[in-house]
């Protein structure tokens, strides 16, 4: 996802918001690229809503699903 992050505090807020979501197995926040990578058994729309509710503009760039 592309997430509007302007400082380390923004990145920390996004990381905290998403790390508490059920189903998140791996989370990587790349502040310098305004990119967040989330892996796990989660609904991408719920991730989008959660980040939006945290006050950040967000855009899904790519969704990949691994076969079961």
PDB file of N, CA and C in Angstrom:
ATOM      1  N   UNK A   1       0.838  -1.167   0.000  1.00  0.00           N
ATOM      2  CA  UNK A   1       0.000   0.000   0.000  1.00  0.00           C
ATOM      3  C   UNK A   1       0.885   1.232   0.000  1.00  0.00           C
ATOM      4  N   UNK A   2       0.356   2.277  -0.536  1.00  0.00           N
ATOM      5  CA  UNK A   2       1.012   3.573  -0.432  1.00  0.00           C
ATOM      6  C   UNK A   2       0.262   4.341   0.646  1.00  0.00           C
ATOM      7  N   UNK A   3       0.991   4.796   1.656  1.00  0.00           N
ATOM      8  CA  UNK A   3       0.392   5.484   2.796  1.00  0.00           C
ATOM      9  C   UNK A   3       1.101   6.813   2.996  1.00  0.00           C
ATOM     10  N   UNK A   4       0.319   7.879   3.152  1.00  0.00           N
ATOM     11  CA  UNK A   4       0.889   9.205   3.387  1.00  0.00           C
ATOM     12  C   UNK A   4       1.496   9.262   4.781  1.00  0.00           C
ATOM     13  N   UNK A   5       2.821   9.245   4.833  1.00  0.00           N
ATOM     14  CA  UNK A   5       3.554   9.327   6.098  1.00  0.00           C
ATOM     15  C   UNK A   5       4.585  10.439   5.955  1.00  0.00           C
ATOM     16  N   UNK A   6       4.560  11.397   6.867  1.00  0.00           N
ATOM     17  CA  UNK A   6       5.444  12.554   6.765  1.00  0.00           C
ATOM     18  C   UNK A   6       6.575  12.561   7.786  1.00  0.00           C
ATOM     19  N   UNK A   7       6.503  11.629   8.752  1.00  0.00           N
ATOM     20  CA  UNK A   7       7.526  11.601   9.789  1.00  0.00           C
ATOM     21  C   UNK A   7       7.584  10.211  10.418  1.00  0.00           C
ATOM     22  N   UNK A   8       8.538  10.014  11.316  1.00  0.00           N
ATOM     23  CA  UNK A   8       8.657   8.736  12.014  1.00  0.00           C
ATOM     24  C   UNK A   8       7.417   8.453  12.864  1.00  0.00           C
ATOM     25  N   UNK A   9       6.798   9.499  13.387  1.00  0.00           N
ATOM     26  CA  UNK A   9       5.585   9.334  14.191  1.00  0.00           C
ATOM     27  C   UNK A   9       4.443   8.767  13.360  1.00  0.00           C
ATOM     28  N   UNK A  10       4.328   9.229  12.115  1.00  0.00           N
ATOM     29  CA  UNK A  10       3.298   8.699  11.209  1.00  0.00           C
ATOM     30  C   UNK A  10       3.537   7.214  10.960  1.00  0.00           C
ATOM     31  N   UNK A  11       4.782   6.855  10.687  1.00  0.00           N
ATOM     32  CA  UNK A  11       5.125   5.457  10.428  1.00  0.00           C
ATOM     33  C   UNK A  11       4.831   4.601  11.652  1.00  0.00           C
ATOM     34  N   UNK A  12       5.140   5.114  12.833  1.00  0.00           N
ATOM     35  CA  UNK A  12       4.879   4.388  14.080  1.00  0.00           C
ATOM     36  C   UNK A  12       3.384   4.188  14.290  1.00  0.00           C
ATOM     37  N   UNK A  13       2.587   5.216  13.978  1.00  0.00           N
ATOM     38  CA  UNK A  13       1.134   5.125  14.128  1.00  0.00           C
ATOM     39  C   UNK A  13       0.560   4.049  13.200  1.00  0.00           C
ATOM     40  N   UNK A  14       1.017   4.020  11.963  1.00  0.00           N
ATOM     41  CA  UNK A  14       0.558   3.006  11.008  1.00  0.00           C
ATOM     42  C   UNK A  14       0.981   1.617  11.473  1.00  0.00           C
ATOM     43  N   UNK A  15       2.230   1.480  11.916  1.00  0.00           N
ATOM     44  CA  UNK A  15       2.739   0.191  12.386  1.00  0.00           C
ATOM     45  C   UNK A  15       1.926  -0.309  13.581  1.00  0.00           C
ATOM     46  N   UNK A  16       1.658   0.559  14.536  1.00  0.00           N
ATOM     47  CA  UNK A  16       0.892   0.180  15.713  1.00  0.00           C
ATOM     48  C   UNK A  16      -0.535  -0.211  15.342  1.00  0.00           C
ATOM     49  N   UNK A  17      -1.148   0.559  14.464  1.00  0.00           N
ATOM     50  CA  UNK A  17      -2.524   0.295  14.040  1.00  0.00           C
ATOM     51  C   UNK A  17      -2.648  -1.076  13.393  1.00  0.00           C
ATOM     52  N   UNK A  18      -1.725  -1.404  12.498  1.00  0.00           N
ATOM     53  CA  UNK A  18      -1.828  -2.654  11.757  1.00  0.00           C
ATOM     54  C   UNK A  18      -1.294  -3.858  12.520  1.00  0.00           C
ATOM     55  N   UNK A  19      -0.337  -3.662  13.391  1.00  0.00           N
ATOM     56  CA  UNK A  19       0.220  -4.800  14.127  1.00  0.00           C
ATOM     57  C   UNK A  19      -0.792  -5.394  15.093  1.00  0.00           C
ATOM     58  N   UNK A  20      -1.805  -4.630  15.464  1.00  0.00           N
ATOM     59  CA  UNK A  20      -2.832  -5.123  16.371  1.00  0.00           C
ATOM     60  C   UNK A  20      -3.988  -5.830  15.656  1.00  0.00           C
ATOM     61  N   UNK A  21      -3.952  -5.868  14.324  1.00  0.00           N
ATOM     62  CA  UNK A  21      -5.023  -6.518  13.565  1.00  0.00           C
ATOM     63  C   UNK A  21      -4.862  -8.031  13.587  1.00  0.00           C
ATOM     64  N   UNK A  22      -5.984  -8.720  13.772  1.00  0.00           N
ATOM     65  CA  UNK A  22      -5.969 -10.177  13.724  1.00  0.00           C
ATOM     66  C   UNK A  22      -5.629 -10.639  12.313  1.00  0.00           C
ATOM     67  N   UNK A  23      -4.767 -11.618  12.188  1.00  0.00           N
ATOM     68  CA  UNK A  23      -4.413 -12.182  10.899  1.00  0.00           C
ATOM     69  C   UNK A  23      -3.141 -11.633  10.288  1.00  0.00           C
ATOM     70  N   UNK A  24      -2.613 -10.533  10.839  1.00  0.00           N
ATOM     71  CA  UNK A  24      -1.379  -9.955  10.299  1.00  0.00           C
ATOM     72  C   UNK A  24      -0.209 -10.823  10.753  1.00  0.00           C
ATOM     73  N   UNK A  25       0.499 -11.399   9.779  1.00  0.00           N
ATOM     74  CA  UNK A  25       1.642 -12.259  10.078  1.00  0.00           C
ATOM     75  C   UNK A  25       2.963 -11.509   9.937  1.00  0.00           C
ATOM     76  N   UNK A  26       3.009 -10.600   8.981  1.00  0.00           N
ATOM     77  CA  UNK A  26       4.229  -9.833   8.746  1.00  0.00           C
ATOM     78  C   UNK A  26       3.849  -8.421   8.327  1.00  0.00           C
ATOM     79  N   UNK A  27       4.582  -7.461   8.838  1.00  0.00           N
ATOM     80  CA  UNK A  27       4.294  -6.060   8.564  1.00  0.00           C
ATOM     81  C   UNK A  27       5.607  -5.326   8.349  1.00  0.00           C
ATOM     82  N   UNK A  28       5.691  -4.600   7.246  1.00  0.00           N
ATOM     83  CA  UNK A  28       6.897  -3.823   6.963  1.00  0.00           C
ATOM     84  C   UNK A  28       6.481  -2.416   6.560  1.00  0.00           C
ATOM     85  N   UNK A  29       6.978  -1.430   7.272  1.00  0.00           N
ATOM     86  CA  UNK A  29       6.690  -0.030   6.981  1.00  0.00           C
ATOM     87  C   UNK A  29       7.976   0.605   6.471  1.00  0.00           C
ATOM     88  N   UNK A  30       7.935   1.110   5.229  1.00  0.00           N
ATOM     89  CA  UNK A  30       9.089   1.759   4.613  1.00  0.00           C
ATOM     90  C   UNK A  30       8.741   3.236   4.482  1.00  0.00           C
ATOM     91  N   UNK A  31       9.052   3.977   5.524  1.00  0.00           N
ATOM     92  CA  UNK A  31       8.697   5.395   5.602  1.00  0.00           C
ATOM     93  C   UNK A  31       9.248   6.197   4.435  1.00  0.00           C
ATOM     94  N   UNK A  32      10.492   5.964   4.058  1.00  0.00           N
ATOM     95  CA  UNK A  32      11.135   6.748   2.999  1.00  0.00           C
ATOM     96  C   UNK A  32      10.434   6.595   1.645  1.00  0.00           C
ATOM     97  N   UNK A  33       9.764   5.462   1.430  1.00  0.00           N
ATOM     98  CA  UNK A  33       9.041   5.217   0.180  1.00  0.00           C
ATOM     99  C   UNK A  33       7.531   5.368   0.350  1.00  0.00           C
ATOM    100  N   UNK A  34       7.094   5.697   1.560  1.00  0.00           N
ATOM    101  CA  UNK A  34       5.674   5.786   1.906  1.00  0.00           C
ATOM    102  C   UNK A  34       4.946   4.503   1.523  1.00  0.00           C
ATOM    103  N   UNK A  35       5.561   3.381   1.866  1.00  0.00           N
ATOM    104  CA  UNK A  35       5.036   2.081   1.485  1.00  0.00           C
ATOM    105  C   UNK A  35       4.843   1.213   2.725  1.00  0.00           C
ATOM    106  N   UNK A  36       3.745   0.455   2.732  1.00  0.00           N
ATOM    107  CA  UNK A  36       3.470  -0.493   3.809  1.00  0.00           C
ATOM    108  C   UNK A  36       3.166  -1.834   3.159  1.00  0.00           C
ATOM    109  N   UNK A  37       3.834  -2.878   3.633  1.00  0.00           N
ATOM    110  CA  UNK A  37       3.612  -4.225   3.126  1.00  0.00           C
ATOM    111  C   UNK A  37       3.047  -5.053   4.266  1.00  0.00           C
ATOM    112  N   UNK A  38       1.876  -5.643   4.022  1.00  0.00           N
ATOM    113  CA  UNK A  38       1.196  -6.441   5.036  1.00  0.00           C
ATOM    114  C   UNK A  38       1.002  -7.841   4.475  1.00  0.00           C
ATOM    115  N   UNK A  39       1.401  -8.855   5.248  1.00  0.00           N
ATOM    116  CA  UNK A  39       1.201 -10.246   4.841  1.00  0.00           C
ATOM    117  C   UNK A  39       0.404 -10.955   5.930  1.00  0.00           C
ATOM    118  N   UNK A  40      -0.502 -11.819   5.475  1.00  0.00           N
ATOM    119  CA  UNK A  40      -1.283 -12.599   6.414  1.00  0.00           C
ATOM    120  C   UNK A  40      -2.651 -12.915   5.857  1.00  0.00           C
ATOM    121  N   UNK A  41      -3.425 -13.614   6.644  1.00  0.00           N
ATOM    122  CA  UNK A  41      -4.791 -13.984   6.269  1.00  0.00           C
ATOM    123  C   UNK A  41      -5.727 -12.859   6.693  1.00  0.00           C
ATOM    124  N   UNK A  42      -5.751 -11.809   5.879  1.00  0.00           N
ATOM    125  CA  UNK A  42      -6.522 -10.619   6.209  1.00  0.00           C
ATOM    126  C   UNK A  42      -7.263 -10.114   4.980  1.00  0.00           C
ATOM    127  N   UNK A  43      -8.321  -9.378   5.220  1.00  0.00           N
ATOM    128  CA  UNK A  43      -9.104  -8.766   4.145  1.00  0.00           C
ATOM    129  C   UNK A  43      -8.460  -7.420   3.800  1.00  0.00           C
ATOM    130  N   UNK A  44      -8.014  -7.247   2.550  1.00  0.00           N
ATOM    131  CA  UNK A  44      -7.365  -5.984   2.177  1.00  0.00           C
ATOM    132  C   UNK A  44      -8.235  -4.753   2.425  1.00  0.00           C
ATOM    133  N   UNK A  45      -9.538  -4.898   2.273  1.00  0.00           N
ATOM    134  CA  UNK A  45     -10.434  -3.762   2.508  1.00  0.00           C
ATOM    135  C   UNK A  45     -10.456  -3.363   3.979  1.00  0.00           C
ATOM    136  N   UNK A  46     -10.342  -4.336   4.873  1.00  0.00           N
ATOM    137  CA  UNK A  46     -10.308  -4.025   6.306  1.00  0.00           C
ATOM    138  C   UNK A  46      -9.011  -3.306   6.668  1.00  0.00           C
ATOM    139  N   UNK A  47      -7.922  -3.697   6.019  1.00  0.00           N
ATOM    140  CA  UNK A  47      -6.647  -3.017   6.247  1.00  0.00           C
ATOM    141  C   UNK A  47      -6.756  -1.566   5.778  1.00  0.00           C
ATOM    142  N   UNK A  48      -7.331  -1.379   4.618  1.00  0.00           N
ATOM    143  CA  UNK A  48      -7.530  -0.046   4.062  1.00  0.00           C
ATOM    144  C   UNK A  48      -8.361   0.820   5.005  1.00  0.00           C
ATOM    145  N   UNK A  49      -9.459   0.269   5.510  1.00  0.00           N
ATOM    146  CA  UNK A  49     -10.327   1.004   6.430  1.00  0.00           C
ATOM    147  C   UNK A  49      -9.596   1.363   7.719  1.00  0.00           C
ATOM    148  N   UNK A  50      -8.836   0.413   8.241  1.00  0.00           N
ATOM    149  CA  UNK A  50      -8.126   0.632   9.508  1.00  0.00           C
ATOM    150  C   UNK A  50      -7.110   1.771   9.381  1.00  0.00           C
ATOM    151  N   UNK A  51      -6.367   1.787   8.282  1.00  0.00           N
ATOM    152  CA  UNK A  51      -5.370   2.841   8.084  1.00  0.00           C
ATOM    153  C   UNK A  51      -6.067   4.184   7.844  1.00  0.00           C
ATOM    154  N   UNK A  52      -7.162   4.161   7.102  1.00  0.00           N
ATOM    155  CA  UNK A  52      -7.920   5.392   6.858  1.00  0.00           C
ATOM    156  C   UNK A  52      -8.468   5.972   8.152  1.00  0.00           C
ATOM    157  N   UNK A  53      -8.961   5.108   9.042  1.00  0.00           N
ATOM    158  CA  UNK A  53      -9.488   5.572  10.329  1.00  0.00           C
ATOM    159  C   UNK A  53      -8.394   6.160  11.206  1.00  0.00           C
ATOM    160  N   UNK A  54      -7.151   5.752  10.957  1.00  0.00           N
ATOM    161  CA  UNK A  54      -6.024   6.299  11.710  1.00  0.00           C
ATOM    162  C   UNK A  54      -5.634   7.683  11.184  1.00  0.00           C
ATOM    163  N   UNK A  55      -6.349   8.154  10.160  1.00  0.00           N
ATOM    164  CA  UNK A  55      -6.128   9.499   9.652  1.00  0.00           C
ATOM    165  C   UNK A  55      -5.095   9.593   8.543  1.00  0.00           C
ATOM    166  N   UNK A  56      -4.811   8.487   7.901  1.00  0.00           N
ATOM    167  CA  UNK A  56      -3.803   8.485   6.850  1.00  0.00           C
ATOM    168  C   UNK A  56      -4.440   8.199   5.493  1.00  0.00           C
ATOM    169  N   UNK A  57      -4.005   8.934   4.480  1.00  0.00           N
ATOM    170  CA  UNK A  57      -4.442   8.657   3.115  1.00  0.00           C
ATOM    171  C   UNK A  57      -3.743   7.380   2.671  1.00  0.00           C
ATOM    172  N   UNK A  58      -4.507   6.474   2.080  1.00  0.00           N
ATOM    173  CA  UNK A  58      -3.953   5.168   1.728  1.00  0.00           C
ATOM    174  C   UNK A  58      -4.472   4.727   0.371  1.00  0.00           C
ATOM    175  N   UNK A  59      -3.632   4.010  -0.343  1.00  0.00           N
ATOM    176  CA  UNK A  59      -3.985   3.474  -1.650  1.00  0.00           C
ATOM    177  C   UNK A  59      -3.376   2.083  -1.765  1.00  0.00           C
ATOM    178  N   UNK A  60      -4.195   1.101  -2.152  1.00  0.00           N
ATOM    179  CA  UNK A  60      -3.683  -0.247  -2.352  1.00  0.00           C
ATOM    180  C   UNK A  60      -2.972  -0.295  -3.693  1.00  0.00           C
ATOM    181  N   UNK A  61      -1.726  -0.722  -3.671  1.00  0.00           N
ATOM    182  CA  UNK A  61      -0.936  -0.807  -4.895  1.00  0.00           C
ATOM    183  C   UNK A  61      -0.995  -2.197  -5.516  1.00  0.00           C
ATOM    184  N   UNK A  62      -0.988  -3.231  -4.675  1.00  0.00           N
ATOM    185  CA  UNK A  62      -0.947  -4.589  -5.187  1.00  0.00           C
ATOM    186  C   UNK A  62      -1.518  -5.543  -4.151  1.00  0.00           C
ATOM    187  N   UNK A  63      -2.289  -6.505  -4.635  1.00  0.00           N
ATOM    188  CA  UNK A  63      -2.796  -7.580  -3.780  1.00  0.00           C
ATOM    189  C   UNK A  63      -2.344  -8.886  -4.387  1.00  0.00           C
ATOM    190  N   UNK A  64      -1.642  -9.676  -3.604  1.00  0.00           N
ATOM    191  CA  UNK A  64      -1.229 -10.981  -4.069  1.00  0.00           C
ATOM    192  C   UNK A  64      -1.722 -12.011  -3.075  1.00  0.00           C
ATOM    193  N   UNK A  65      -2.170 -13.119  -3.591  1.00  0.00           N
ATOM    194  CA  UNK A  65      -2.648 -14.206  -2.736  1.00  0.00           C
ATOM    195  C   UNK A  65      -1.859 -15.450  -3.071  1.00  0.00           C
ATOM    196  N   UNK A  66      -1.366 -16.102  -2.029  1.00  0.00           N
ATOM    197  CA  UNK A  66      -0.653 -17.349  -2.228  1.00  0.00           C
ATOM    198  C   UNK A  66      -1.651 -18.491  -2.214  1.00  0.00           C
ATOM    199  N   UNK A  67      -1.418 -19.522  -3.008  1.00  0.00           N
ATOM    200  CA  UNK A  67      -2.332 -20.662  -2.997  1.00  0.00           C
ATOM    201  C   UNK A  67      -2.312 -21.357  -1.639  1.00  0.00           C
ATOM    202  N   UNK A  68      -3.458 -21.900  -1.239  1.00  0.00           N
ATOM    203  CA  UNK A  68      -3.512 -22.573   0.077  1.00  0.00           C
ATOM    204  C   UNK A  68      -2.633 -23.804   0.156  1.00  0.00           C
TER     205      UNK A  68
END
